[in-house]
Amino acid sequence: MNTELIIIKEYCFQNQIEPEFIIQLENEGLIDLRIIGEEQYIHISQLKRLDQYARWHYDLSINIEGIDVIQNLLNRIDDMQKEILHLRERLRLID
């Protein structure tokens, strides 16, 4: 079995998370699940994001739609920061 995949049922059991929450995240396009046989898996590279979403949902009571909005805003901020760095580099070349 691929060691980079985590079984959703085990993740949910260990972290006391409802499997339906993870399904809703996938339905919103926030994470990608893989189905192999009868089991659903998540790639280890997505665990940081999944943990963040779970904290927002369970600790802060943010619904799935709110998580989607927050993630979109964070992505936009990241893109803007990259653009600012790029523009600063271009300005340095001009000076």
N, C-alpha and C. Protein backbone atom coordinates (compact mmCIF):
# COMPACT_ATOMS: atom_id res chain seq x y z
N MET A 1 0.85 -1.19 0.00
CA MET A 1 0.00 0.00 0.00
C MET A 1 0.88 1.24 0.00
N ASN A 2 0.45 2.27 -0.64
CA ASN A 2 1.17 3.53 -0.74
C ASN A 2 1.22 4.20 0.64
N THR A 3 2.42 4.45 1.15
CA THR A 3 2.57 5.02 2.49
C THR A 3 2.27 6.52 2.51
N GLU A 4 2.05 7.11 1.35
CA GLU A 4 1.72 8.52 1.30
C GLU A 4 0.22 8.77 1.34
N LEU A 5 -0.56 7.71 1.47
CA LEU A 5 -2.02 7.85 1.57
C LEU A 5 -2.47 7.48 2.97
N ILE A 6 -3.44 8.24 3.48
CA ILE A 6 -3.99 8.02 4.81
C ILE A 6 -5.44 7.58 4.63
N ILE A 7 -5.85 6.54 5.34
CA ILE A 7 -7.23 6.08 5.28
C ILE A 7 -8.10 7.08 6.05
N ILE A 8 -9.14 7.56 5.41
CA ILE A 8 -10.01 8.56 6.00
C ILE A 8 -10.63 8.06 7.31
N LYS A 9 -11.10 6.83 7.35
CA LYS A 9 -11.73 6.30 8.57
C LYS A 9 -10.76 6.36 9.75
N GLU A 10 -9.51 6.01 9.52
CA GLU A 10 -8.52 6.03 10.59
C GLU A 10 -8.21 7.46 11.03
N TYR A 11 -8.08 8.36 10.06
CA TYR A 11 -7.83 9.76 10.39
C TYR A 11 -8.97 10.32 11.24
N CYS A 12 -10.19 10.03 10.83
CA CYS A 12 -11.36 10.53 11.56
C CYS A 12 -11.41 9.96 12.98
N PHE A 13 -11.12 8.67 13.11
CA PHE A 13 -11.14 8.04 14.43
C PHE A 13 -10.09 8.65 15.34
N GLN A 14 -8.88 8.82 14.84
CA GLN A 14 -7.77 9.34 15.65
C GLN A 14 -7.97 10.81 16.02
N ASN A 15 -8.63 11.56 15.16
CA ASN A 15 -8.78 13.00 15.38
C ASN A 15 -10.18 13.39 15.82
N GLN A 16 -11.03 12.42 16.04
CA GLN A 16 -12.41 12.64 16.47
C GLN A 16 -13.14 13.61 15.54
N ILE A 17 -13.07 13.30 14.26
CA ILE A 17 -13.70 14.10 13.22
C ILE A 17 -14.73 13.24 12.52
N GLU A 18 -15.85 13.84 12.17
CA GLU A 18 -16.89 13.11 11.45
C GLU A 18 -16.46 12.92 9.99
N PRO A 19 -16.58 11.71 9.46
CA PRO A 19 -16.23 11.48 8.05
C PRO A 19 -17.03 12.38 7.10
N GLU A 20 -18.26 12.72 7.46
CA GLU A 20 -19.09 13.57 6.61
C GLU A 20 -18.45 14.95 6.41
N PHE A 21 -17.74 15.43 7.43
CA PHE A 21 -17.04 16.72 7.32
C PHE A 21 -16.02 16.66 6.18
N ILE A 22 -15.28 15.57 6.12
CA ILE A 22 -14.26 15.43 5.08
C ILE A 22 -14.91 15.30 3.70
N ILE A 23 -16.02 14.60 3.63
CA ILE A 23 -16.75 14.48 2.36
C ILE A 23 -17.23 15.86 1.89
N GLN A 24 -17.71 16.68 2.83
CA GLN A 24 -18.16 18.03 2.48
C GLN A 24 -17.00 18.88 1.98
N LEU A 25 -15.83 18.72 2.59
CA LEU A 25 -14.65 19.45 2.12
C LEU A 25 -14.31 19.06 0.69
N GLU A 26 -14.42 17.78 0.40
CA GLU A 26 -14.14 17.33 -0.97
C GLU A 26 -15.19 17.88 -1.93
N ASN A 27 -16.45 17.86 -1.53
CA ASN A 27 -17.52 18.37 -2.39
C ASN A 27 -17.34 19.85 -2.72
N GLU A 28 -16.74 20.61 -1.80
CA GLU A 28 -16.46 22.03 -2.03
C GLU A 28 -15.18 22.24 -2.84
N GLY A 29 -14.42 21.16 -3.05
CA GLY A 29 -13.17 21.26 -3.80
C GLY A 29 -12.00 21.71 -2.95
N LEU A 30 -12.14 21.64 -1.62
CA LEU A 30 -11.07 22.08 -0.73
C LEU A 30 -9.99 21.01 -0.54
N ILE A 31 -10.35 19.75 -0.67
CA ILE A 31 -9.39 18.65 -0.61
C ILE A 31 -9.75 17.64 -1.69
N ASP A 32 -8.81 16.76 -1.98
CA ASP A 32 -9.05 15.69 -2.95
C ASP A 32 -8.92 14.36 -2.25
N LEU A 33 -9.92 13.52 -2.41
CA LEU A 33 -9.87 12.17 -1.87
C LEU A 33 -9.63 11.18 -2.99
N ARG A 34 -9.03 10.08 -2.64
CA ARG A 34 -8.83 8.98 -3.60
C ARG A 34 -9.58 7.77 -3.07
N ILE A 35 -10.20 7.07 -3.98
CA ILE A 35 -10.91 5.84 -3.61
C ILE A 35 -10.16 4.68 -4.21
N ILE A 36 -9.77 3.75 -3.33
CA ILE A 36 -9.09 2.53 -3.76
C ILE A 36 -9.87 1.38 -3.14
N GLY A 37 -10.49 0.61 -4.00
CA GLY A 37 -11.35 -0.46 -3.50
C GLY A 37 -12.55 0.15 -2.80
N GLU A 38 -12.74 -0.20 -1.56
CA GLU A 38 -13.86 0.30 -0.77
C GLU A 38 -13.47 1.46 0.15
N GLU A 39 -12.19 1.79 0.21
CA GLU A 39 -11.69 2.79 1.16
C GLU A 39 -11.45 4.13 0.49
N GLN A 40 -11.65 5.20 1.27
CA GLN A 40 -11.31 6.54 0.84
C GLN A 40 -10.00 6.94 1.51
N TYR A 41 -9.15 7.61 0.75
CA TYR A 41 -7.83 8.02 1.23
C TYR A 41 -7.61 9.49 0.94
N ILE A 42 -6.70 10.07 1.72
CA ILE A 42 -6.24 11.42 1.45
C ILE A 42 -4.72 11.36 1.38
N HIS A 43 -4.15 12.13 0.48
CA HIS A 43 -2.70 12.16 0.33
C HIS A 43 -2.10 12.91 1.50
N ILE A 44 -0.96 12.46 1.95
CA ILE A 44 -0.29 13.04 3.12
C ILE A 44 0.01 14.53 2.92
N SER A 45 0.20 14.95 1.69
CA SER A 45 0.50 16.36 1.41
C SER A 45 -0.67 17.28 1.75
N GLN A 46 -1.86 16.74 1.89
CA GLN A 46 -3.04 17.54 2.20
C GLN A 46 -3.37 17.57 3.70
N LEU A 47 -2.60 16.85 4.51
CA LEU A 47 -2.92 16.75 5.93
C LEU A 47 -2.85 18.10 6.65
N LYS A 48 -1.88 18.92 6.31
CA LYS A 48 -1.76 20.22 6.97
C LYS A 48 -3.02 21.05 6.73
N ARG A 49 -3.46 21.06 5.48
CA ARG A 49 -4.68 21.80 5.14
C ARG A 49 -5.90 21.20 5.84
N LEU A 50 -6.01 19.87 5.84
CA LEU A 50 -7.14 19.21 6.48
C LEU A 50 -7.17 19.50 7.97
N ASP A 51 -6.01 19.46 8.62
CA ASP A 51 -5.94 19.79 10.05
C ASP A 51 -6.40 21.22 10.30
N GLN A 52 -5.98 22.14 9.43
CA GLN A 52 -6.38 23.55 9.56
C GLN A 52 -7.89 23.68 9.43
N TYR A 53 -8.46 23.04 8.42
CA TYR A 53 -9.91 23.12 8.22
C TYR A 53 -10.66 22.53 9.40
N ALA A 54 -10.16 21.44 9.94
CA ALA A 54 -10.81 20.80 11.09
C ALA A 54 -10.78 21.73 12.30
N ARG A 55 -9.66 22.42 12.52
CA ARG A 55 -9.59 23.37 13.64
C ARG A 55 -10.57 24.51 13.45
N TRP A 56 -10.63 25.04 12.24
CA TRP A 56 -11.57 26.13 11.97
C TRP A 56 -13.00 25.67 12.23
N HIS A 57 -13.32 24.48 11.78
CA HIS A 57 -14.69 23.98 11.88
C HIS A 57 -15.06 23.61 13.32
N TYR A 58 -14.23 22.82 13.97
CA TYR A 58 -14.57 22.30 15.29
C TYR A 58 -14.24 23.26 16.43
N ASP A 59 -13.15 24.01 16.30
CA ASP A 59 -12.77 24.93 17.38
C ASP A 59 -13.43 26.30 17.25
N LEU A 60 -13.61 26.76 16.01
CA LEU A 60 -14.15 28.10 15.78
C LEU A 60 -15.57 28.10 15.23
N SER A 61 -16.13 26.91 15.00
CA SER A 61 -17.51 26.75 14.50
C SER A 61 -17.72 27.44 13.15
N ILE A 62 -16.73 27.34 12.28
CA ILE A 62 -16.85 27.90 10.93
C ILE A 62 -17.39 26.81 10.02
N ASN A 63 -18.44 27.14 9.28
CA ASN A 63 -19.04 26.13 8.40
C ASN A 63 -18.21 25.95 7.13
N ILE A 64 -18.59 24.98 6.33
CA ILE A 64 -17.82 24.63 5.12
C ILE A 64 -17.72 25.83 4.17
N GLU A 65 -18.82 26.54 4.00
CA GLU A 65 -18.81 27.70 3.10
C GLU A 65 -17.85 28.77 3.62
N GLY A 66 -17.81 28.96 4.93
CA GLY A 66 -16.89 29.92 5.52
C GLY A 66 -15.44 29.49 5.33
N ILE A 67 -15.19 28.20 5.47
CA ILE A 67 -13.84 27.67 5.25
C ILE A 67 -13.42 27.94 3.81
N ASP A 68 -14.33 27.74 2.88
CA ASP A 68 -14.04 27.99 1.47
C ASP A 68 -13.70 29.46 1.24
N VAL A 69 -14.47 30.36 1.82
CA VAL A 69 -14.21 31.80 1.67
C VAL A 69 -12.85 32.16 2.27
N ILE A 70 -12.57 31.67 3.47
CA ILE A 70 -11.29 31.97 4.12
C ILE A 70 -10.13 31.46 3.27
N GLN A 71 -10.25 30.24 2.76
CA GLN A 71 -9.16 29.67 1.95
C GLN A 71 -8.96 30.47 0.68
N ASN A 72 -10.06 30.91 0.04
CA ASN A 72 -9.94 31.73 -1.17
C ASN A 72 -9.25 33.06 -0.86
N LEU A 73 -9.60 33.67 0.27
CA LEU A 73 -8.96 34.93 0.65
C LEU A 73 -7.47 34.73 0.94
N LEU A 74 -7.14 33.65 1.65
CA LEU A 74 -5.72 33.37 1.92
C LEU A 74 -4.94 33.13 0.63
N ASN A 75 -5.56 32.45 -0.33
CA ASN A 75 -4.91 32.22 -1.62
C ASN A 75 -4.66 33.55 -2.34
N ARG A 76 -5.65 34.44 -2.28
CA ARG A 76 -5.49 35.75 -2.92
C ARG A 76 -4.39 36.56 -2.26
N ILE A 77 -4.33 36.52 -0.93
CA ILE A 77 -3.27 37.23 -0.21
C ILE A 77 -1.91 36.68 -0.61
N ASP A 78 -1.80 35.36 -0.69
CA ASP A 78 -0.54 34.74 -1.10
C ASP A 78 -0.14 35.17 -2.51
N ASP A 79 -1.11 35.18 -3.42
CA ASP A 79 -0.83 35.63 -4.79
C ASP A 79 -0.37 37.08 -4.81
N MET A 80 -1.02 37.93 -4.02
CA MET A 80 -0.63 39.35 -3.98
C MET A 80 0.76 39.53 -3.39
N GLN A 81 1.10 38.76 -2.38
CA GLN A 81 2.45 38.84 -1.81
C GLN A 81 3.50 38.43 -2.82
N LYS A 82 3.21 37.40 -3.60
CA LYS A 82 4.15 36.98 -4.65
C LYS A 82 4.30 38.07 -5.70
N GLU A 83 3.18 38.70 -6.05
CA GLU A 83 3.23 39.77 -7.04
C GLU A 83 4.03 40.96 -6.51
N ILE A 84 3.87 41.31 -5.25
CA ILE A 84 4.63 42.40 -4.64
C ILE A 84 6.12 42.09 -4.68
N LEU A 85 6.49 40.87 -4.33
CA LEU A 85 7.91 40.48 -4.38
C LEU A 85 8.45 40.59 -5.80
N HIS A 86 7.66 40.13 -6.77
CA HIS A 86 8.07 40.21 -8.17
C HIS A 86 8.25 41.67 -8.59
N LEU A 87 7.33 42.53 -8.22
CA LEU A 87 7.42 43.94 -8.58
C LEU A 87 8.61 44.62 -7.90
N ARG A 88 8.90 44.24 -6.67
CA ARG A 88 10.08 44.79 -5.97
C ARG A 88 11.36 44.40 -6.70
N GLU A 89 11.42 43.15 -7.15
CA GLU A 89 12.59 42.70 -7.91
C GLU A 89 12.75 43.49 -9.21
N ARG A 90 11.64 43.74 -9.86
CA ARG A 90 11.70 44.51 -11.11
C ARG A 90 12.15 45.93 -10.84
N LEU A 91 11.69 46.51 -9.72
CA LEU A 91 12.11 47.86 -9.37
C LEU A 91 13.59 47.93 -9.08
N ARG A 92 14.13 46.89 -8.44
CA ARG A 92 15.56 46.86 -8.16
C ARG A 92 16.37 46.83 -9.45
N LEU A 93 15.87 46.13 -10.45
CA LEU A 93 16.58 46.06 -11.73
C LEU A 93 16.57 47.41 -12.44
N ILE A 94 15.53 48.19 -12.24
CA ILE A 94 15.41 49.50 -12.89
C ILE A 94 16.35 50.50 -12.25
N ASP A 95 16.49 50.42 -10.92
CA ASP A 95 17.35 51.38 -10.18
C ASP A 95 18.76 51.21 -10.52
